[in-house]
Amino acid sequence: MAAQVIPVALTGADQTISPTACTYHGFAIRETTTTTVAVVRIYDSTSANSGTLLETLSIAANESVGDFYERGIVANLGIRVDIVSGTVEGSIRIS
């Protein structure tokens, strides 16, 4: 049986998803404009633009993307999301 997964809402700005070690299970993200490409980076870190890069997403204007990793990826330092460009909404899934 898979672990219970918790979705953490994105604020649309850079944010720390978890300040402590956790398991990263994926994302569901939508770029909310019709003209801009969004770039989102997800790190094993709590500091801006640092740590081990877990995922880099390039999301076309008005596109939705998502992925789920059932077993997950251990993030020893916590999880940080940096919105490099664009406007996004959605969630990051952790346990």
C-alpha atoms as a PDB file:
ATOM      1  CA  MET A   1       0.000   0.000   0.000  1.00  0.00           C
ATOM      2  CA  ALA A   2       1.314   3.450  -0.949  1.00  0.00           C
ATOM      3  CA  ALA A   3       2.045   6.125   1.638  1.00  0.00           C
ATOM      4  CA  GLN A   4      -0.512   8.852   2.248  1.00  0.00           C
ATOM      5  CA  VAL A   5       0.418  11.796   0.025  1.00  0.00           C
ATOM      6  CA  ILE A   6      -0.260  15.429   0.969  1.00  0.00           C
ATOM      7  CA  PRO A   7      -0.736  18.110  -1.711  1.00  0.00           C
ATOM      8  CA  VAL A   8       0.778  21.472  -0.747  1.00  0.00           C
ATOM      9  CA  ALA A   9      -0.717  24.399  -2.664  1.00  0.00           C
ATOM     10  CA  LEU A  10       1.563  26.639  -4.685  1.00  0.00           C
ATOM     11  CA  THR A  11       1.325  30.336  -3.853  1.00  0.00           C
ATOM     12  CA  GLY A  12       2.452  31.486  -7.296  1.00  0.00           C
ATOM     13  CA  ALA A  13       5.741  32.754  -5.852  1.00  0.00           C
ATOM     14  CA  ASP A  14       8.963  31.089  -4.687  1.00  0.00           C
ATOM     15  CA  GLN A  15       8.212  29.091  -1.567  1.00  0.00           C
ATOM     16  CA  THR A  16       9.415  26.414   0.807  1.00  0.00           C
ATOM     17  CA  ILE A  17       7.060  23.432   0.526  1.00  0.00           C
ATOM     18  CA  SER A  18       8.586  21.533   3.454  1.00  0.00           C
ATOM     19  CA  PRO A  19      11.251  22.896   5.829  1.00  0.00           C
ATOM     20  CA  THR A  20      12.309  19.383   6.881  1.00  0.00           C
ATOM     21  CA  ALA A  21      13.144  16.061   5.250  1.00  0.00           C
ATOM     22  CA  CYS A  22      10.234  14.508   3.356  1.00  0.00           C
ATOM     23  CA  THR A  23       9.435  12.451   0.279  1.00  0.00           C
ATOM     24  CA  TYR A  24       8.669  14.202  -3.014  1.00  0.00           C
ATOM     25  CA  HIS A  25       5.885  12.472  -4.956  1.00  0.00           C
ATOM     26  CA  GLY A  26       5.334  14.863  -7.851  1.00  0.00           C
ATOM     27  CA  PHE A  27       3.317  17.849  -8.965  1.00  0.00           C
ATOM     28  CA  ALA A  28       0.195  19.178 -10.666  1.00  0.00           C
ATOM     29  CA  ILE A  29       0.848  22.635 -12.136  1.00  0.00           C
ATOM     30  CA  ARG A  30      -0.908  24.905 -14.617  1.00  0.00           C
ATOM     31  CA  GLU A  31       0.490  28.010 -16.301  1.00  0.00           C
ATOM     32  CA  THR A  32      -2.343  30.522 -15.939  1.00  0.00           C
ATOM     33  CA  THR A  33      -1.726  33.019 -18.736  1.00  0.00           C
ATOM     34  CA  THR A  34      -2.158  32.630 -22.474  1.00  0.00           C
ATOM     35  CA  THR A  35       1.127  34.244 -23.497  1.00  0.00           C
ATOM     36  CA  THR A  36       3.978  33.213 -21.174  1.00  0.00           C
ATOM     37  CA  VAL A  37       6.023  30.052 -20.752  1.00  0.00           C
ATOM     38  CA  ALA A  38       6.505  29.160 -17.086  1.00  0.00           C
ATOM     39  CA  VAL A  39       9.730  27.662 -15.780  1.00  0.00           C
ATOM     40  CA  VAL A  40       9.555  25.995 -12.368  1.00  0.00           C
ATOM     41  CA  ARG A  41      12.454  24.409 -10.477  1.00  0.00           C
ATOM     42  CA  ILE A  42      11.963  22.052  -7.544  1.00  0.00           C
ATOM     43  CA  TYR A  43      14.928  21.557  -5.201  1.00  0.00           C
ATOM     44  CA  ASP A  44      15.947  19.355  -2.288  1.00  0.00           C
ATOM     45  CA  SER A  45      16.646  22.490  -0.252  1.00  0.00           C
ATOM     46  CA  THR A  46      15.034  25.293   1.725  1.00  0.00           C
ATOM     47  CA  SER A  47      17.207  28.052   0.217  1.00  0.00           C
ATOM     48  CA  ALA A  48      16.463  29.876  -3.031  1.00  0.00           C
ATOM     49  CA  ASN A  49      18.057  28.396  -6.163  1.00  0.00           C
ATOM     50  CA  SER A  50      20.243  25.925  -4.309  1.00  0.00           C
ATOM     51  CA  GLY A  51      20.498  22.284  -3.356  1.00  0.00           C
ATOM     52  CA  THR A  52      19.897  19.222  -5.480  1.00  0.00           C
ATOM     53  CA  LEU A  53      17.590  19.909  -8.400  1.00  0.00           C
ATOM     54  CA  LEU A  54      14.763  17.354  -8.286  1.00  0.00           C
ATOM     55  CA  GLU A  55      12.789  18.626 -11.256  1.00  0.00           C
ATOM     56  CA  THR A  56      12.796  21.397 -13.871  1.00  0.00           C
ATOM     57  CA  LEU A  57       9.532  22.115 -15.655  1.00  0.00           C
ATOM     58  CA  SER A  58       8.943  24.224 -18.732  1.00  0.00           C
ATOM     59  CA  ILE A  59       5.199  24.743 -19.071  1.00  0.00           C
ATOM     60  CA  ALA A  60       3.684  26.281 -22.197  1.00  0.00           C
ATOM     61  CA  ALA A  61       1.172  29.110 -21.909  1.00  0.00           C
ATOM     62  CA  ASN A  62      -2.182  27.891 -20.526  1.00  0.00           C
ATOM     63  CA  GLU A  63      -0.858  24.302 -20.271  1.00  0.00           C
ATOM     64  CA  SER A  64      -1.323  21.865 -17.381  1.00  0.00           C
ATOM     65  CA  VAL A  65       1.281  19.260 -16.432  1.00  0.00           C
ATOM     66  CA  GLY A  66       1.531  16.691 -13.705  1.00  0.00           C
ATOM     67  CA  ASP A  67       3.455  13.654 -12.642  1.00  0.00           C
ATOM     68  CA  PHE A  68       3.262  11.254  -9.716  1.00  0.00           C
ATOM     69  CA  TYR A  69       6.072   9.126  -8.286  1.00  0.00           C
ATOM     70  CA  GLU A  70       4.433   6.448  -6.141  1.00  0.00           C
ATOM     71  CA  ARG A  71       7.613   5.434  -4.335  1.00  0.00           C
ATOM     72  CA  GLY A  72       8.805   9.038  -4.212  1.00  0.00           C
ATOM     73  CA  ILE A  73      12.189  10.711  -4.038  1.00  0.00           C
ATOM     74  CA  VAL A  74      13.724  11.434  -0.639  1.00  0.00           C
ATOM     75  CA  ALA A  75      14.391  15.143  -0.095  1.00  0.00           C
ATOM     76  CA  ASN A  76      16.815  15.197   2.842  1.00  0.00           C
ATOM     77  CA  LEU A  77      16.789  18.972   3.348  1.00  0.00           C
ATOM     78  CA  GLY A  78      13.141  19.747   2.565  1.00  0.00           C
ATOM     79  CA  ILE A  79      11.581  21.011  -0.658  1.00  0.00           C
ATOM     80  CA  ARG A  80      11.810  24.456  -2.227  1.00  0.00           C
ATOM     81  CA  VAL A  81       9.982  25.630  -5.366  1.00  0.00           C
ATOM     82  CA  ASP A  82      11.400  28.509  -7.382  1.00  0.00           C
ATOM     83  CA  ILE A  83       9.181  30.099 -10.040  1.00  0.00           C
ATOM     84  CA  VAL A  84      11.735  31.271 -12.598  1.00  0.00           C
ATOM     85  CA  SER A  85       9.186  32.731 -15.018  1.00  0.00           C
ATOM     86  CA  GLY A  86       5.477  32.730 -15.746  1.00  0.00           C
ATOM     87  CA  THR A  87       2.435  32.535 -13.500  1.00  0.00           C
ATOM     88  CA  VAL A  88       1.400  29.187 -12.048  1.00  0.00           C
ATOM     89  CA  GLU A  89      -1.095  27.477  -9.789  1.00  0.00           C
ATOM     90  CA  GLY A  90      -1.248  23.923  -8.530  1.00  0.00           C
ATOM     91  CA  SER A  91       0.373  21.754  -5.880  1.00  0.00           C
ATOM     92  CA  ILE A  92       3.435  19.761  -4.932  1.00  0.00           C
ATOM     93  CA  ARG A  93       2.819  16.279  -3.520  1.00  0.00           C
ATOM     94  CA  ILE A  94       4.811  15.127  -0.485  1.00  0.00           C
ATOM     95  CA  SER A  95       4.738  12.612   2.339  1.00  0.00           C
END
